[in-house]
Amino acid sequence: MHGYADNKESHTKRMRRIEGQVRGITKMIESDKYCIDILTQVSAVNKALEAVALGLLDEHLKHCVTDAVTEGGQMAEEKIEEASAAIARLVRS
């Protein structure tokens, strides 16, 4: 079971909302809306995606990484490296 399993429905709803926001941005561009208004919406989508990513990362650390560390060994090291790489990707984006 994945770390996000308890919040799967919440994450799914959030992603559907973001999907709707992205479709709205497309319509704004098609309708020749003001650039700054479009950029404001793009920024809102980026922040919403970051919030989802941070939530998933938090759940991964609390569930998957914690379980692997409890078991110890090579799996623990792999999960920690995997989490570190995910954090690095989020920081760079």
PDB file of N, CA and C in Angstrom:
ATOM      1  N   MET A   1       0.849  -1.186   0.000  1.00  0.00           N
ATOM      2  CA  MET A   1       0.000   0.000   0.000  1.00  0.00           C
ATOM      3  C   MET A   1       0.892   1.247   0.000  1.00  0.00           C
ATOM      4  N   HIS A   2       0.551   2.222  -0.805  1.00  0.00           N
ATOM      5  CA  HIS A   2       1.326   3.452  -0.910  1.00  0.00           C
ATOM      6  C   HIS A   2       1.001   4.394   0.244  1.00  0.00           C
ATOM      7  N   GLY A   3       1.937   5.275   0.546  1.00  0.00           N
ATOM      8  CA  GLY A   3       1.774   6.219   1.646  1.00  0.00           C
ATOM      9  C   GLY A   3       0.593   7.156   1.492  1.00  0.00           C
ATOM     10  N   TYR A   4       0.187   7.424   0.272  1.00  0.00           N
ATOM     11  CA  TYR A   4      -0.905   8.362   0.037  1.00  0.00           C
ATOM     12  C   TYR A   4      -2.287   7.694   0.036  1.00  0.00           C
ATOM     13  N   ALA A   5      -2.331   6.395   0.279  1.00  0.00           N
ATOM     14  CA  ALA A   5      -3.583   5.637   0.157  1.00  0.00           C
ATOM     15  C   ALA A   5      -4.716   6.227   0.991  1.00  0.00           C
ATOM     16  N   ASP A   6      -4.404   6.689   2.190  1.00  0.00           N
ATOM     17  CA  ASP A   6      -5.456   7.248   3.053  1.00  0.00           C
ATOM     18  C   ASP A   6      -6.029   8.553   2.504  1.00  0.00           C
ATOM     19  N   ASN A   7      -5.258   9.258   1.689  1.00  0.00           N
ATOM     20  CA  ASN A   7      -5.701  10.543   1.141  1.00  0.00           C
ATOM     21  C   ASN A   7      -5.881  10.515  -0.368  1.00  0.00           C
ATOM     22  N   LYS A   8      -6.007   9.327  -0.916  1.00  0.00           N
ATOM     23  CA  LYS A   8      -6.101   9.165  -2.371  1.00  0.00           C
ATOM     24  C   LYS A   8      -7.259   9.981  -2.960  1.00  0.00           C
ATOM     25  N   GLU A   9      -8.409   9.911  -2.320  1.00  0.00           N
ATOM     26  CA  GLU A   9      -9.573  10.640  -2.829  1.00  0.00           C
ATOM     27  C   GLU A   9      -9.331  12.148  -2.813  1.00  0.00           C
ATOM     28  N   SER A  10      -8.728  12.643  -1.756  1.00  0.00           N
ATOM     29  CA  SER A  10      -8.413  14.067  -1.641  1.00  0.00           C
ATOM     30  C   SER A  10      -7.433  14.505  -2.727  1.00  0.00           C
ATOM     31  N   HIS A  11      -6.401  13.703  -2.941  1.00  0.00           N
ATOM     32  CA  HIS A  11      -5.424  14.026  -3.978  1.00  0.00           C
ATOM     33  C   HIS A  11      -6.074  14.000  -5.360  1.00  0.00           C
ATOM     34  N   THR A  12      -6.921  13.031  -5.588  1.00  0.00           N
ATOM     35  CA  THR A  12      -7.603  12.924  -6.883  1.00  0.00           C
ATOM     36  C   THR A  12      -8.489  14.141  -7.129  1.00  0.00           C
ATOM     37  N   LYS A  13      -9.251  14.554  -6.125  1.00  0.00           N
ATOM     38  CA  LYS A  13     -10.102  15.734  -6.270  1.00  0.00           C
ATOM     39  C   LYS A  13      -9.268  16.978  -6.547  1.00  0.00           C
ATOM     40  N   ARG A  14      -8.169  17.095  -5.835  1.00  0.00           N
ATOM     41  CA  ARG A  14      -7.294  18.250  -6.014  1.00  0.00           C
ATOM     42  C   ARG A  14      -6.719  18.287  -7.427  1.00  0.00           C
ATOM     43  N   MET A  15      -6.298  17.129  -7.922  1.00  0.00           N
ATOM     44  CA  MET A  15      -5.747  17.073  -9.273  1.00  0.00           C
ATOM     45  C   MET A  15      -6.814  17.379 -10.326  1.00  0.00           C
ATOM     46  N   ARG A  16      -8.031  16.963 -10.093  1.00  0.00           N
ATOM     47  CA  ARG A  16      -9.118  17.292 -11.041  1.00  0.00           C
ATOM     48  C   ARG A  16      -9.390  18.792 -11.053  1.00  0.00           C
ATOM     49  N   ARG A  17      -9.294  19.407  -9.870  1.00  0.00           N
ATOM     50  CA  ARG A  17      -9.462  20.854  -9.789  1.00  0.00           C
ATOM     51  C   ARG A  17      -8.342  21.560 -10.571  1.00  0.00           C
ATOM     52  N   ILE A  18      -7.132  21.080 -10.408  1.00  0.00           N
ATOM     53  CA  ILE A  18      -5.991  21.652 -11.133  1.00  0.00           C
ATOM     54  C   ILE A  18      -6.172  21.459 -12.632  1.00  0.00           C
ATOM     55  N   GLU A  19      -6.639  20.286 -13.020  1.00  0.00           N
ATOM     56  CA  GLU A  19      -6.900  20.015 -14.432  1.00  0.00           C
ATOM     57  C   GLU A  19      -7.898  21.033 -14.991  1.00  0.00           C
ATOM     58  N   GLY A  20      -8.917  21.345 -14.218  1.00  0.00           N
ATOM     59  CA  GLY A  20      -9.894  22.352 -14.632  1.00  0.00           C
ATOM     60  C   GLY A  20      -9.264  23.728 -14.752  1.00  0.00           C
ATOM     61  N   GLN A  21      -8.365  24.047 -13.827  1.00  0.00           N
ATOM     62  CA  GLN A  21      -7.664  25.332 -13.906  1.00  0.00           C
ATOM     63  C   GLN A  21      -6.834  25.418 -15.186  1.00  0.00           C
ATOM     64  N   VAL A  22      -6.170  24.328 -15.539  1.00  0.00           N
ATOM     65  CA  VAL A  22      -5.345  24.312 -16.754  1.00  0.00           C
ATOM     66  C   VAL A  22      -6.231  24.489 -17.989  1.00  0.00           C
ATOM     67  N   ARG A  23      -7.367  23.815 -18.005  1.00  0.00           N
ATOM     68  CA  ARG A  23      -8.299  24.003 -19.136  1.00  0.00           C
ATOM     69  C   ARG A  23      -8.766  25.456 -19.201  1.00  0.00           C
ATOM     70  N   GLY A  24      -8.977  26.059 -18.038  1.00  0.00           N
ATOM     71  CA  GLY A  24      -9.370  27.468 -17.988  1.00  0.00           C
ATOM     72  C   GLY A  24      -8.300  28.384 -18.570  1.00  0.00           C
ATOM     73  N   ILE A  25      -7.042  28.060 -18.299  1.00  0.00           N
ATOM     74  CA  ILE A  25      -5.940  28.855 -18.863  1.00  0.00           C
ATOM     75  C   ILE A  25      -5.935  28.733 -20.385  1.00  0.00           C
ATOM     76  N   THR A  26      -6.154  27.533 -20.882  1.00  0.00           N
ATOM     77  CA  THR A  26      -6.217  27.334 -22.335  1.00  0.00           C
ATOM     78  C   THR A  26      -7.314  28.197 -22.940  1.00  0.00           C
ATOM     79  N   LYS A  27      -8.471  28.221 -22.294  1.00  0.00           N
ATOM     80  CA  LYS A  27      -9.587  29.040 -22.791  1.00  0.00           C
ATOM     81  C   LYS A  27      -9.248  30.523 -22.734  1.00  0.00           C
ATOM     82  N   MET A  28      -8.528  30.927 -21.687  1.00  0.00           N
ATOM     83  CA  MET A  28      -8.118  32.334 -21.579  1.00  0.00           C
ATOM     84  C   MET A  28      -7.215  32.722 -22.751  1.00  0.00           C
ATOM     85  N   ILE A  29      -6.299  31.836 -23.096  1.00  0.00           N
ATOM     86  CA  ILE A  29      -5.395  32.110 -24.216  1.00  0.00           C
ATOM     87  C   ILE A  29      -6.180  32.159 -25.521  1.00  0.00           C
ATOM     88  N   GLU A  30      -7.083  31.189 -25.710  1.00  0.00           N
ATOM     89  CA  GLU A  30      -7.900  31.160 -26.919  1.00  0.00           C
ATOM     90  C   GLU A  30      -8.774  32.406 -27.033  1.00  0.00           C
ATOM     91  N   SER A  31      -9.173  32.969 -25.896  1.00  0.00           N
ATOM     92  CA  SER A  31     -10.043  34.145 -25.879  1.00  0.00           C
ATOM     93  C   SER A  31      -9.258  35.451 -25.842  1.00  0.00           C
ATOM     94  N   ASP A  32      -7.946  35.364 -25.999  1.00  0.00           N
ATOM     95  CA  ASP A  32      -7.080  36.551 -26.013  1.00  0.00           C
ATOM     96  C   ASP A  32      -7.201  37.393 -24.742  1.00  0.00           C
ATOM     97  N   LYS A  33      -7.220  36.732 -23.600  1.00  0.00           N
ATOM     98  CA  LYS A  33      -7.283  37.449 -22.316  1.00  0.00           C
ATOM     99  C   LYS A  33      -5.958  38.145 -22.050  1.00  0.00           C
ATOM    100  N   TYR A  34      -5.966  39.044 -21.105  1.00  0.00           N
ATOM    101  CA  TYR A  34      -4.797  39.848 -20.745  1.00  0.00           C
ATOM    102  C   TYR A  34      -3.678  38.960 -20.200  1.00  0.00           C
ATOM    103  N   CYS A  35      -2.466  39.213 -20.659  1.00  0.00           N
ATOM    104  CA  CYS A  35      -1.296  38.383 -20.316  1.00  0.00           C
ATOM    105  C   CYS A  35      -1.125  38.201 -18.811  1.00  0.00           C
ATOM    106  N   ILE A  36      -1.236  39.271 -18.071  1.00  0.00           N
ATOM    107  CA  ILE A  36      -1.005  39.203 -16.628  1.00  0.00           C
ATOM    108  C   ILE A  36      -2.055  38.326 -15.949  1.00  0.00           C
ATOM    109  N   ASP A  37      -3.279  38.371 -16.420  1.00  0.00           N
ATOM    110  CA  ASP A  37      -4.329  37.509 -15.868  1.00  0.00           C
ATOM    111  C   ASP A  37      -4.009  36.037 -16.115  1.00  0.00           C
ATOM    112  N   ILE A  38      -3.496  35.745 -17.297  1.00  0.00           N
ATOM    113  CA  ILE A  38      -3.111  34.368 -17.622  1.00  0.00           C
ATOM    114  C   ILE A  38      -1.941  33.935 -16.749  1.00  0.00           C
ATOM    115  N   LEU A  39      -0.949  34.789 -16.625  1.00  0.00           N
ATOM    116  CA  LEU A  39       0.212  34.472 -15.782  1.00  0.00           C
ATOM    117  C   LEU A  39      -0.187  34.259 -14.328  1.00  0.00           C
ATOM    118  N   THR A  40      -1.144  35.003 -13.854  1.00  0.00           N
ATOM    119  CA  THR A  40      -1.647  34.822 -12.485  1.00  0.00           C
ATOM    120  C   THR A  40      -2.234  33.429 -12.317  1.00  0.00           C
ATOM    121  N   GLN A  41      -2.979  32.975 -13.315  1.00  0.00           N
ATOM    122  CA  GLN A  41      -3.575  31.640 -13.252  1.00  0.00           C
ATOM    123  C   GLN A  41      -2.507  30.544 -13.364  1.00  0.00           C
ATOM    124  N   VAL A  42      -1.504  30.771 -14.194  1.00  0.00           N
ATOM    125  CA  VAL A  42      -0.397  29.806 -14.303  1.00  0.00           C
ATOM    126  C   VAL A  42       0.309  29.681 -12.955  1.00  0.00           C
ATOM    127  N   SER A  43       0.530  30.799 -12.307  1.00  0.00           N
ATOM    128  CA  SER A  43       1.161  30.790 -10.988  1.00  0.00           C
ATOM    129  C   SER A  43       0.309  30.019  -9.985  1.00  0.00           C
ATOM    130  N   ALA A  44      -0.988  30.199 -10.033  1.00  0.00           N
ATOM    131  CA  ALA A  44      -1.888  29.489  -9.117  1.00  0.00           C
ATOM    132  C   ALA A  44      -1.829  27.979  -9.351  1.00  0.00           C
ATOM    133  N   VAL A  45      -1.763  27.566 -10.605  1.00  0.00           N
ATOM    134  CA  VAL A  45      -1.653  26.138 -10.927  1.00  0.00           C
ATOM    135  C   VAL A  45      -0.332  25.584 -10.406  1.00  0.00           C
ATOM    136  N   ASN A  46       0.746  26.329 -10.613  1.00  0.00           N
ATOM    137  CA  ASN A  46       2.047  25.888 -10.117  1.00  0.00           C
ATOM    138  C   ASN A  46       2.027  25.703  -8.603  1.00  0.00           C
ATOM    139  N   LYS A  47       1.443  26.637  -7.889  1.00  0.00           N
ATOM    140  CA  LYS A  47       1.364  26.536  -6.426  1.00  0.00           C
ATOM    141  C   LYS A  47       0.504  25.347  -6.012  1.00  0.00           C
ATOM    142  N   ALA A  48      -0.583  25.120  -6.715  1.00  0.00           N
ATOM    143  CA  ALA A  48      -1.449  23.987  -6.403  1.00  0.00           C
ATOM    144  C   ALA A  48      -0.724  22.663  -6.630  1.00  0.00           C
ATOM    145  N   LEU A  49       0.032  22.563  -7.714  1.00  0.00           N
ATOM    146  CA  LEU A  49       0.811  21.347  -7.979  1.00  0.00           C
ATOM    147  C   LEU A  49       1.900  21.147  -6.928  1.00  0.00           C
ATOM    148  N   GLU A  50       2.523  22.237  -6.521  1.00  0.00           N
ATOM    149  CA  GLU A  50       3.536  22.147  -5.461  1.00  0.00           C
ATOM    150  C   GLU A  50       2.916  21.623  -4.171  1.00  0.00           C
ATOM    151  N   ALA A  51       1.719  22.076  -3.863  1.00  0.00           N
ATOM    152  CA  ALA A  51       1.038  21.626  -2.642  1.00  0.00           C
ATOM    153  C   ALA A  51       0.750  20.125  -2.711  1.00  0.00           C
ATOM    154  N   VAL A  52       0.311  19.649  -3.859  1.00  0.00           N
ATOM    155  CA  VAL A  52       0.076  18.211  -4.027  1.00  0.00           C
ATOM    156  C   VAL A  52       1.386  17.448  -3.870  1.00  0.00           C
ATOM    157  N   ALA A  53       2.429  17.941  -4.514  1.00  0.00           N
ATOM    158  CA  ALA A  53       3.731  17.273  -4.447  1.00  0.00           C
ATOM    159  C   ALA A  53       4.241  17.211  -3.008  1.00  0.00           C
ATOM    160  N   LEU A  54       4.128  18.305  -2.279  1.00  0.00           N
ATOM    161  CA  LEU A  54       4.595  18.313  -0.892  1.00  0.00           C
ATOM    162  C   LEU A  54       3.776  17.376  -0.018  1.00  0.00           C
ATOM    163  N   GLY A  55       2.485  17.302  -0.272  1.00  0.00           N
ATOM    164  CA  GLY A  55       1.641  16.366   0.468  1.00  0.00           C
ATOM    165  C   GLY A  55       2.035  14.922   0.207  1.00  0.00           C
ATOM    166  N   LEU A  56       2.264  14.603  -1.065  1.00  0.00           N
ATOM    167  CA  LEU A  56       2.684  13.249  -1.420  1.00  0.00           C
ATOM    168  C   LEU A  56       4.052  12.924  -0.829  1.00  0.00           C
ATOM    169  N   LEU A  57       4.946  13.888  -0.862  1.00  0.00           N
ATOM    170  CA  LEU A  57       6.272  13.681  -0.288  1.00  0.00           C
ATOM    171  C   LEU A  57       6.186  13.442   1.214  1.00  0.00           C
ATOM    172  N   ASP A  58       5.385  14.228   1.893  1.00  0.00           N
ATOM    173  CA  ASP A  58       5.200  14.063   3.332  1.00  0.00           C
ATOM    174  C   ASP A  58       4.670  12.666   3.662  1.00  0.00           C
ATOM    175  N   GLU A  59       3.671  12.231   2.898  1.00  0.00           N
ATOM    176  CA  GLU A  59       3.103  10.902   3.121  1.00  0.00           C
ATOM    177  C   GLU A  59       4.119   9.812   2.802  1.00  0.00           C
ATOM    178  N   HIS A  60       4.933  10.027   1.778  1.00  0.00           N
ATOM    179  CA  HIS A  60       5.974   9.053   1.420  1.00  0.00           C
ATOM    180  C   HIS A  60       6.984   8.927   2.562  1.00  0.00           C
ATOM    181  N   LEU A  61       7.394  10.053   3.103  1.00  0.00           N
ATOM    182  CA  LEU A  61       8.358  10.022   4.204  1.00  0.00           C
ATOM    183  C   LEU A  61       7.773   9.335   5.434  1.00  0.00           C
ATOM    184  N   LYS A  62       6.532   9.661   5.754  1.00  0.00           N
ATOM    185  CA  LYS A  62       5.900   9.101   6.954  1.00  0.00           C
ATOM    186  C   LYS A  62       5.591   7.621   6.822  1.00  0.00           C
ATOM    187  N   HIS A  63       5.353   7.154   5.618  1.00  0.00           N
ATOM    188  CA  HIS A  63       4.941   5.766   5.427  1.00  0.00           C
ATOM    189  C   HIS A  63       6.077   4.921   4.853  1.00  0.00           C
ATOM    190  N   CYS A  64       6.407   5.159   3.615  1.00  0.00           N
ATOM    191  CA  CYS A  64       7.356   4.299   2.899  1.00  0.00           C
ATOM    192  C   CYS A  64       8.763   4.367   3.482  1.00  0.00           C
ATOM    193  N   VAL A  65       9.247   5.579   3.703  1.00  0.00           N
ATOM    194  CA  VAL A  65      10.606   5.729   4.221  1.00  0.00           C
ATOM    195  C   VAL A  65      10.688   5.251   5.664  1.00  0.00           C
ATOM    196  N   THR A  66       9.714   5.618   6.467  1.00  0.00           N
ATOM    197  CA  THR A  66       9.709   5.189   7.871  1.00  0.00           C
ATOM    198  C   THR A  66       9.684   3.667   7.974  1.00  0.00           C
ATOM    199  N   ASP A  67       8.846   3.017   7.182  1.00  0.00           N
ATOM    200  CA  ASP A  67       8.786   1.550   7.194  1.00  0.00           C
ATOM    201  C   ASP A  67      10.124   0.938   6.780  1.00  0.00           C
ATOM    202  N   ALA A  68      10.742   1.507   5.744  1.00  0.00           N
ATOM    203  CA  ALA A  68      12.024   0.978   5.269  1.00  0.00           C
ATOM    204  C   ALA A  68      13.119   1.173   6.315  1.00  0.00           C
ATOM    205  N   VAL A  69      13.121   2.312   6.975  1.00  0.00           N
ATOM    206  CA  VAL A  69      14.127   2.568   8.011  1.00  0.00           C
ATOM    207  C   VAL A  69      13.929   1.616   9.183  1.00  0.00           C
ATOM    208  N   THR A  70      12.687   1.336   9.524  1.00  0.00           N
ATOM    209  CA  THR A  70      12.397   0.390  10.602  1.00  0.00           C
ATOM    210  C   THR A  70      12.936  -0.999  10.261  1.00  0.00           C
ATOM    211  N   GLU A  71      12.783  -1.401   9.005  1.00  0.00           N
ATOM    212  CA  GLU A  71      13.304  -2.695   8.560  1.00  0.00           C
ATOM    213  C   GLU A  71      14.827  -2.675   8.463  1.00  0.00           C
ATOM    214  N   GLY A  72      15.390  -1.520   8.107  1.00  0.00           N
ATOM    215  CA  GLY A  72      16.835  -1.376   7.993  1.00  0.00           C
ATOM    216  C   GLY A  72      17.383  -1.970   6.715  1.00  0.00           C
ATOM    217  N   GLY A  73      18.703  -2.041   6.641  1.00  0.00           N
ATOM    218  CA  GLY A  73      19.363  -2.658   5.497  1.00  0.00           C
ATOM    219  C   GLY A  73      19.377  -1.800   4.254  1.00  0.00           C
ATOM    220  N   GLN A  74      19.582  -2.474   3.132  1.00  0.00           N
ATOM    221  CA  GLN A  74      19.708  -1.818   1.829  1.00  0.00           C
ATOM    222  C   GLN A  74      18.436  -1.071   1.438  1.00  0.00           C
ATOM    223  N   MET A  75      17.279  -1.632   1.757  1.00  0.00           N
ATOM    224  CA  MET A  75      16.011  -0.976   1.409  1.00  0.00           C
ATOM    225  C   MET A  75      15.914   0.395   2.061  1.00  0.00           C
ATOM    226  N   ALA A  76      16.358   0.518   3.289  1.00  0.00           N
ATOM    227  CA  ALA A  76      16.325   1.811   3.986  1.00  0.00           C
ATOM    228  C   ALA A  76      17.179   2.831   3.245  1.00  0.00           C
ATOM    229  N   GLU A  77      18.370   2.439   2.877  1.00  0.00           N
ATOM    230  CA  GLU A  77      19.258   3.333   2.147  1.00  0.00           C
ATOM    231  C   GLU A  77      18.654   3.753   0.816  1.00  0.00           C
ATOM    232  N   GLU A  78      18.047   2.803   0.112  1.00  0.00           N
ATOM    233  CA  GLU A  78      17.435   3.103  -1.186  1.00  0.00           C
ATOM    234  C   GLU A  78      16.276   4.078  -1.044  1.00  0.00           C
ATOM    235  N   LYS A  79      15.440   3.877  -0.028  1.00  0.00           N
ATOM    236  CA  LYS A  79      14.291   4.770   0.172  1.00  0.00           C
ATOM    237  C   LYS A  79      14.739   6.172   0.554  1.00  0.00           C
ATOM    238  N   ILE A  80      15.775   6.272   1.357  1.00  0.00           N
ATOM    239  CA  ILE A  80      16.288   7.587   1.743  1.00  0.00           C
ATOM    240  C   ILE A  80      16.874   8.300   0.527  1.00  0.00           C
ATOM    241  N   GLU A  81      17.648   7.581  -0.283  1.00  0.00           N
ATOM    242  CA  GLU A  81      18.202   8.164  -1.510  1.00  0.00           C
ATOM    243  C   GLU A  81      17.095   8.586  -2.468  1.00  0.00           C
ATOM    244  N   GLU A  82      16.079   7.753  -2.584  1.00  0.00           N
ATOM    245  CA  GLU A  82      14.941   8.048  -3.454  1.00  0.00           C
ATOM    246  C   GLU A  82      14.227   9.320  -2.989  1.00  0.00           C
ATOM    247  N   ALA A  83      14.001   9.441  -1.685  1.00  0.00           N
ATOM    248  CA  ALA A  83      13.342  10.628  -1.127  1.00  0.00           C
ATOM    249  C   ALA A  83      14.209  11.863  -1.333  1.00  0.00           C
ATOM    250  N   SER A  84      15.511  11.722  -1.121  1.00  0.00           N
ATOM    251  CA  SER A  84      16.423  12.860  -1.331  1.00  0.00           C
ATOM    252  C   SER A  84      16.388  13.335  -2.771  1.00  0.00           C
ATOM    253  N   ALA A  85      16.365  12.400  -3.708  1.00  0.00           N
ATOM    254  CA  ALA A  85      16.300  12.753  -5.126  1.00  0.00           C
ATOM    255  C   ALA A  85      14.977  13.457  -5.447  1.00  0.00           C
ATOM    256  N   ALA A  86      13.884  12.985  -4.868  1.00  0.00           N
ATOM    257  CA  ALA A  86      12.576  13.623  -5.101  1.00  0.00           C
ATOM    258  C   ALA A  86      12.571  15.049  -4.548  1.00  0.00           C
ATOM    259  N   ILE A  87      13.152  15.227  -3.377  1.00  0.00           N
ATOM    260  CA  ILE A  87      13.225  16.567  -2.787  1.00  0.00           C
ATOM    261  C   ILE A  87      14.064  17.479  -3.682  1.00  0.00           C
ATOM    262  N   ALA A  88      15.185  16.978  -4.176  1.00  0.00           N
ATOM    263  CA  ALA A  88      16.038  17.769  -5.062  1.00  0.00           C
ATOM    264  C   ALA A  88      15.283  18.191  -6.323  1.00  0.00           C
ATOM    265  N   ARG A  89      14.492  17.271  -6.890  1.00  0.00           N
ATOM    266  CA  ARG A  89      13.709  17.612  -8.087  1.00  0.00           C
ATOM    267  C   ARG A  89      12.690  18.695  -7.782  1.00  0.00           C
ATOM    268  N   LEU A  90      12.048  18.602  -6.614  1.00  0.00           N
ATOM    269  CA  LEU A  90      11.061  19.622  -6.248  1.00  0.00           C
ATOM    270  C   LEU A  90      11.703  20.984  -6.025  1.00  0.00           C
ATOM    271  N   VAL A  91      12.876  20.993  -5.428  1.00  0.00           N
ATOM    272  CA  VAL A  91      13.570  22.246  -5.149  1.00  0.00           C
ATOM    273  C   VAL A  91      14.012  22.912  -6.464  1.00  0.00           C
ATOM    274  N   ARG A  92      14.448  22.100  -7.427  1.00  0.00           N
ATOM    275  CA  ARG A  92      14.910  22.641  -8.707  1.00  0.00           C
ATOM    276  C   ARG A  92      13.760  23.159  -9.565  1.00  0.00           C
ATOM    277  N   SER A  93      12.570  22.632  -9.380  1.00  0.00           N
ATOM    278  CA  SER A  93      11.464  23.035 -10.259  1.00  0.00           C
ATOM    279  C   SER A  93      10.870  24.363  -9.881  1.00  0.00           C
TER     280      SER A  93
END
